[in-house]
PDB file of N, CA and C in Angstrom:
ATOM      1  N   ASN A   1     115.895 100.693  93.233  1.00  0.00           N
ATOM      2  CA  ASN A   1     116.734 101.879  93.176  1.00  0.00           C
ATOM      3  C   ASN A   1     117.268 102.149  91.773  1.00  0.00           C
ATOM      4  N   GLN A   2     117.043 101.243  90.864  1.00  0.00           N
ATOM      5  CA  GLN A   2     117.544 101.411  89.510  1.00  0.00           C
ATOM      6  C   GLN A   2     116.415 101.714  88.529  1.00  0.00           C
ATOM      7  N   LEU A   3     115.310 102.283  89.014  1.00  0.00           N
ATOM      8  CA  LEU A   3     114.174 102.575  88.149  1.00  0.00           C
ATOM      9  C   LEU A   3     114.348 103.923  87.466  1.00  0.00           C
ATOM     10  N   ASP A   4     113.928 104.000  86.202  1.00  0.00           N
ATOM     11  CA  ASP A   4     113.919 105.308  85.551  1.00  0.00           C
ATOM     12  C   ASP A   4     112.733 106.112  86.087  1.00  0.00           C
ATOM     13  N   LEU A   5     112.660 107.368  85.747  1.00  0.00           N
ATOM     14  CA  LEU A   5     111.639 108.255  86.299  1.00  0.00           C
ATOM     15  C   LEU A   5     110.226 107.770  85.974  1.00  0.00           C
ATOM     16  N   GLU A   6     109.995 107.370  84.737  1.00  0.00           N
ATOM     17  CA  GLU A   6     108.664 106.922  84.332  1.00  0.00           C
ATOM     18  C   GLU A   6     108.218 105.688  85.129  1.00  0.00           C
ATOM     19  N   THR A   7     109.119 104.736  85.291  1.00  0.00           N
ATOM     20  CA  THR A   7     108.790 103.519  86.030  1.00  0.00           C
ATOM     21  C   THR A   7     108.603 103.809  87.504  1.00  0.00           C
ATOM     22  N   SER A   8     109.415 104.676  88.052  1.00  0.00           N
ATOM     23  CA  SER A   8     109.285 105.062  89.449  1.00  0.00           C
ATOM     24  C   SER A   8     107.933 105.734  89.702  1.00  0.00           C
ATOM     25  N   MET A   9     107.507 106.596  88.800  1.00  0.00           N
ATOM     26  CA  MET A   9     106.214 107.264  88.945  1.00  0.00           C
ATOM     27  C   MET A   9     105.069 106.255  88.830  1.00  0.00           C
ATOM     28  N   TRP A  10     105.206 105.274  87.917  1.00  0.00           N
ATOM     29  CA  TRP A  10     104.190 104.236  87.790  1.00  0.00           C
ATOM     30  C   TRP A  10     104.084 103.434  89.082  1.00  0.00           C
ATOM     31  N   LEU A  11     105.228 103.034  89.646  1.00  0.00           N
ATOM     32  CA  LEU A  11     105.242 102.246  90.877  1.00  0.00           C
ATOM     33  C   LEU A  11     104.639 103.040  92.035  1.00  0.00           C
ATOM     34  N   GLU A  12     104.958 104.314  92.116  1.00  0.00           N
ATOM     35  CA  GLU A  12     104.404 105.170  93.163  1.00  0.00           C
ATOM     36  C   GLU A  12     102.875 105.192  93.083  1.00  0.00           C
ATOM     37  N   LYS A  13     102.331 105.396  91.895  1.00  0.00           N
ATOM     38  CA  LYS A  13     100.876 105.421  91.730  1.00  0.00           C
ATOM     39  C   LYS A  13     100.282 104.058  92.051  1.00  0.00           C
ATOM     40  N   PHE A  14     100.922 102.986  91.585  1.00  0.00           N
ATOM     41  CA  PHE A  14     100.441 101.639  91.864  1.00  0.00           C
ATOM     42  C   PHE A  14     100.348 101.402  93.370  1.00  0.00           C
ATOM     43  N   LEU A  15     101.397 101.760  94.102  1.00  0.00           N
ATOM     44  CA  LEU A  15     101.403 101.528  95.548  1.00  0.00           C
ATOM     45  C   LEU A  15     100.387 102.412  96.263  1.00  0.00           C
ATOM     46  N   LEU A  16     100.173 103.629  95.796  1.00  0.00           N
ATOM     47  CA  LEU A  16      99.169 104.494  96.408  1.00  0.00           C
ATOM     48  C   LEU A  16      97.766 103.912  96.250  1.00  0.00           C
ATOM     49  N   ASP A  17      97.509 103.220  95.151  1.00  0.00           N
ATOM     50  CA  ASP A  17      96.205 102.615  94.901  1.00  0.00           C
ATOM     51  C   ASP A  17      96.086 101.199  95.478  1.00  0.00           C
ATOM     52  N   PHE A  18      97.199 100.609  95.892  1.00  0.00           N
ATOM     53  CA  PHE A  18      97.245  99.235  96.402  1.00  0.00           C
ATOM     54  C   PHE A  18      96.575  99.183  97.769  1.00  0.00           C
ATOM     55  N   LYS A  19      95.609  98.315  97.953  1.00  0.00           N
ATOM     56  CA  LYS A  19      94.817  98.269  99.193  1.00  0.00           C
ATOM     57  C   LYS A  19      95.315  97.238 100.200  1.00  0.00           C
ATOM     58  N   LYS A  20      96.387  96.570  99.900  1.00  0.00           N
ATOM     59  CA  LYS A  20      96.918  95.557 100.812  1.00  0.00           C
ATOM     60  C   LYS A  20      98.261  96.035 101.366  1.00  0.00           C
ATOM     61  N   THR A  21      98.894  95.206 102.150  1.00  0.00           N
ATOM     62  CA  THR A  21     100.186  95.537 102.742  1.00  0.00           C
ATOM     63  C   THR A  21     101.311  95.237 101.757  1.00  0.00           C
ATOM     64  N   ALA A  22     102.259  96.144 101.669  1.00  0.00           N
ATOM     65  CA  ALA A  22     103.459  95.937 100.868  1.00  0.00           C
ATOM     66  C   ALA A  22     104.660  96.375 101.694  1.00  0.00           C
ATOM     67  N   ILE A  23     105.716  95.616 101.618  1.00  0.00           N
ATOM     68  CA  ILE A  23     106.960  95.994 102.287  1.00  0.00           C
ATOM     69  C   ILE A  23     107.863  96.623 101.238  1.00  0.00           C
ATOM     70  N   VAL A  24     108.268  97.863 101.495  1.00  0.00           N
ATOM     71  CA  VAL A  24     109.053  98.632 100.534  1.00  0.00           C
ATOM     72  C   VAL A  24     110.425  98.912 101.142  1.00  0.00           C
ATOM     73  N   VAL A  25     111.463  98.624 100.397  1.00  0.00           N
ATOM     74  CA  VAL A  25     112.825  98.952 100.801  1.00  0.00           C
ATOM     75  C   VAL A  25     113.394  99.860  99.731  1.00  0.00           C
ATOM     76  N   SER A  26     113.810 101.062 100.136  1.00  0.00           N
ATOM     77  CA  SER A  26     114.332 102.017  99.168  1.00  0.00           C
ATOM     78  C   SER A  26     115.228 103.023  99.872  1.00  0.00           C
ATOM     79  N   HIS A  27     116.144 103.610  99.113  1.00  0.00           N
ATOM     80  CA  HIS A  27     116.967 104.706  99.616  1.00  0.00           C
ATOM     81  C   HIS A  27     116.436 106.049  99.128  1.00  0.00           C
ATOM     82  N   ASP A  28     115.367 106.020  98.349  1.00  0.00           N
ATOM     83  CA  ASP A  28     114.784 107.229  97.770  1.00  0.00           C
ATOM     84  C   ASP A  28     113.802 107.840  98.774  1.00  0.00           C
ATOM     85  N   ARG A  29     114.228 108.881  99.472  1.00  0.00           N
ATOM     86  CA  ARG A  29     113.413 109.493 100.532  1.00  0.00           C
ATOM     87  C   ARG A  29     112.113 110.068 100.002  1.00  0.00           C
ATOM     88  N   HIS A  30     112.149 110.679  98.827  1.00  0.00           N
ATOM     89  CA  HIS A  30     110.921 111.220  98.244  1.00  0.00           C
ATOM     90  C   HIS A  30     109.923 110.102  97.993  1.00  0.00           C
ATOM     91  N   PHE A  31     110.376 109.021  97.408  1.00  0.00           N
ATOM     92  CA  PHE A  31     109.525 107.864  97.132  1.00  0.00           C
ATOM     93  C   PHE A  31     108.917 107.326  98.423  1.00  0.00           C
ATOM     94  N   LEU A  32     109.736 107.160  99.455  1.00  0.00           N
ATOM     95  CA  LEU A  32     109.235 106.663 100.736  1.00  0.00           C
ATOM     96  C   LEU A  32     108.205 107.611 101.337  1.00  0.00           C
ATOM     97  N   ASN A  33     108.443 108.904 101.244  1.00  0.00           N
ATOM     98  CA  ASN A  33     107.476 109.873 101.761  1.00  0.00           C
ATOM     99  C   ASN A  33     106.135 109.756 101.049  1.00  0.00           C
ATOM    100  N   GLN A  34     106.169 109.460  99.764  1.00  0.00           N
ATOM    101  CA  GLN A  34     104.940 109.400  98.982  1.00  0.00           C
ATOM    102  C   GLN A  34     104.143 108.123  99.240  1.00  0.00           C
ATOM    103  N   VAL A  35     104.802 106.992  99.439  1.00  0.00           N
ATOM    104  CA  VAL A  35     104.087 105.715  99.462  1.00  0.00           C
ATOM    105  C   VAL A  35     103.928 105.085 100.844  1.00  0.00           C
ATOM    106  N   CYS A  36     104.720 105.496 101.823  1.00  0.00           N
ATOM    107  CA  CYS A  36     104.662 104.835 103.132  1.00  0.00           C
ATOM    108  C   CYS A  36     103.627 105.478 104.047  1.00  0.00           C
ATOM    109  N   THR A  37     102.884 104.615 104.742  1.00  0.00           N
ATOM    110  CA  THR A  37     101.947 105.078 105.762  1.00  0.00           C
ATOM    111  C   THR A  37     102.407 104.644 107.144  1.00  0.00           C
ATOM    112  N   HIS A  38     103.328 103.687 107.187  1.00  0.00           N
ATOM    113  CA  HIS A  38     103.907 103.195 108.431  1.00  0.00           C
ATOM    114  C   HIS A  38     105.375 102.858 108.182  1.00  0.00           C
ATOM    115  N   ILE A  39     106.184 103.031 109.214  1.00  0.00           N
ATOM    116  CA  ILE A  39     107.608 102.712 109.127  1.00  0.00           C
ATOM    117  C   ILE A  39     107.940 101.725 110.238  1.00  0.00           C
ATOM    118  N   ALA A  40     108.671 100.669 109.904  1.00  0.00           N
ATOM    119  CA  ALA A  40     109.185  99.722 110.891  1.00  0.00           C
ATOM    120  C   ALA A  40     110.686  99.957 110.986  1.00  0.00           C
ATOM    121  N   ASP A  41     111.122 100.472 112.106  1.00  0.00           N
ATOM    122  CA  ASP A  41     112.538 100.756 112.342  1.00  0.00           C
ATOM    123  C   ASP A  41     113.129  99.580 113.118  1.00  0.00           C
ATOM    124  N   ILE A  42     114.014  98.843 112.467  1.00  0.00           N
ATOM    125  CA  ILE A  42     114.641  97.677 113.095  1.00  0.00           C
ATOM    126  C   ILE A  42     116.084  98.042 113.397  1.00  0.00           C
ATOM    127  N   ASP A  43     116.424  98.010 114.681  1.00  0.00           N
ATOM    128  CA  ASP A  43     117.758  98.426 115.099  1.00  0.00           C
ATOM    129  C   ASP A  43     118.164  97.638 116.337  1.00  0.00           C
ATOM    130  N   PHE A  44     119.336  97.051 116.314  1.00  0.00           N
ATOM    131  CA  PHE A  44     119.873  96.287 117.435  1.00  0.00           C
ATOM    132  C   PHE A  44     118.893  95.222 117.925  1.00  0.00           C
ATOM    133  N   GLY A  45     118.228  94.530 116.987  1.00  0.00           N
ATOM    134  CA  GLY A  45     117.341  93.429 117.334  1.00  0.00           C
ATOM    135  C   GLY A  45     115.989  93.844 117.866  1.00  0.00           C
ATOM    136  N   LYS A  46     115.680  95.129 117.856  1.00  0.00           N
ATOM    137  CA  LYS A  46     114.379  95.619 118.317  1.00  0.00           C
ATOM    138  C   LYS A  46     113.669  96.308 117.165  1.00  0.00           C
ATOM    139  N   ILE A  47     112.343  96.217 117.176  1.00  0.00           N
ATOM    140  CA  ILE A  47     111.555  96.849 116.137  1.00  0.00           C
ATOM    141  C   ILE A  47     110.638  97.902 116.762  1.00  0.00           C
ATOM    142  N   HIS A  48     110.623  99.071 116.147  1.00  0.00           N
ATOM    143  CA  HIS A  48     109.749 100.163 116.584  1.00  0.00           C
ATOM    144  C   HIS A  48     108.881 100.559 115.394  1.00  0.00           C
ATOM    145  N   LEU A  49     107.570 100.605 115.626  1.00  0.00           N
ATOM    146  CA  LEU A  49     106.635 100.942 114.565  1.00  0.00           C
ATOM    147  C   LEU A  49     106.200 102.390 114.686  1.00  0.00           C
ATOM    148  N   PHE A  50     106.146 103.081 113.560  1.00  0.00           N
ATOM    149  CA  PHE A  50     105.716 104.471 113.489  1.00  0.00           C
ATOM    150  C   PHE A  50     104.597 104.587 112.467  1.00  0.00           C
ATOM    151  N   SER A  51     103.520 105.255 112.827  1.00  0.00           N
ATOM    152  CA  SER A  51     102.473 105.579 111.849  1.00  0.00           C
ATOM    153  C   SER A  51     102.883 106.878 111.185  1.00  0.00           C
ATOM    154  N   GLY A  52     102.972 106.874 109.883  1.00  0.00           N
ATOM    155  CA  GLY A  52     103.382 108.070 109.154  1.00  0.00           C
ATOM    156  C   GLY A  52     104.391 107.727 108.083  1.00  0.00           C
ATOM    157  N   ASN A  53     104.850 108.752 107.394  1.00  0.00           N
ATOM    158  CA  ASN A  53     105.787 108.545 106.285  1.00  0.00           C
ATOM    159  C   ASN A  53     107.233 108.675 106.766  1.00  0.00           C
ATOM    160  N   TYR A  54     108.151 108.684 105.821  1.00  0.00           N
ATOM    161  CA  TYR A  54     109.577 108.741 106.151  1.00  0.00           C
ATOM    162  C   TYR A  54     109.932 110.011 106.923  1.00  0.00           C
ATOM    163  N   ALA A  55     109.394 111.154 106.504  1.00  0.00           N
ATOM    164  CA  ALA A  55     109.703 112.430 107.172  1.00  0.00           C
ATOM    165  C   ALA A  55     109.268 112.396 108.632  1.00  0.00           C
ATOM    166  N   PHE A  56     108.088 111.825 108.903  1.00  0.00           N
ATOM    167  CA  PHE A  56     107.616 111.721 110.283  1.00  0.00           C
ATOM    168  C   PHE A  56     108.549 110.842 111.100  1.00  0.00           C
ATOM    169  N   TRP A  57     108.948 109.700 110.524  1.00  0.00           N
ATOM    170  CA  TRP A  57     109.868 108.807 111.225  1.00  0.00           C
ATOM    171  C   TRP A  57     111.176 109.525 111.540  1.00  0.00           C
ATOM    172  N   ARG A  58     111.713 110.231 110.556  1.00  0.00           N
ATOM    173  CA  ARG A  58     112.990 110.922 110.744  1.00  0.00           C
ATOM    174  C   ARG A  58     112.898 111.985 111.845  1.00  0.00           C
ATOM    175  N   GLU A  59     111.826 112.752 111.854  1.00  0.00           N
ATOM    176  CA  GLU A  59     111.624 113.750 112.911  1.00  0.00           C
ATOM    177  C   GLU A  59     111.516 113.085 114.267  1.00  0.00           C
ATOM    178  N   SER A  60     110.795 111.978 114.325  1.00  0.00           N
ATOM    179  CA  SER A  60     110.630 111.246 115.588  1.00  0.00           C
ATOM    180  C   SER A  60     111.967 110.729 116.095  1.00  0.00           C
ATOM    181  N   LYS A  61     112.810 110.246 115.190  1.00  0.00           N
ATOM    182  CA  LYS A  61     114.128 109.745 115.592  1.00  0.00           C
ATOM    183  C   LYS A  61     115.013 110.864 116.118  1.00  0.00           C
ATOM    184  N   GLU A  62     114.900 112.054 115.552  1.00  0.00           N
ATOM    185  CA  GLU A  62     115.736 113.179 115.979  1.00  0.00           C
ATOM    186  C   GLU A  62     115.326 113.682 117.356  1.00  0.00           C
ATOM    187  N   ILE A  63     114.032 113.579 117.686  1.00  0.00           N
ATOM    188  CA  ILE A  63     113.537 114.037 118.983  1.00  0.00           C
ATOM    189  C   ILE A  63     113.950 113.092 120.096  1.00  0.00           C
ATOM    190  N   SER A  64     113.897 111.774 119.817  1.00  0.00           N
ATOM    191  CA  SER A  64     114.193 110.800 120.879  1.00  0.00           C
ATOM    192  C   SER A  64     115.646 110.540 121.052  1.00  0.00           C
TER     193      SER A  64
END
């Protein structure tokens, strides 16, 4: 969360090209939308998996 713009853009490109699994924790919604393909929502000791980016997860949470 303390990355400057140039470093954040580099990390975004790196993760988009990364072919393995990475766990990303961030408060930057734009960044999460760009790099996430799946979201693991952990709440009250239960985990729910969503295929999609942050925006998809957020919409899904609002519907349910």
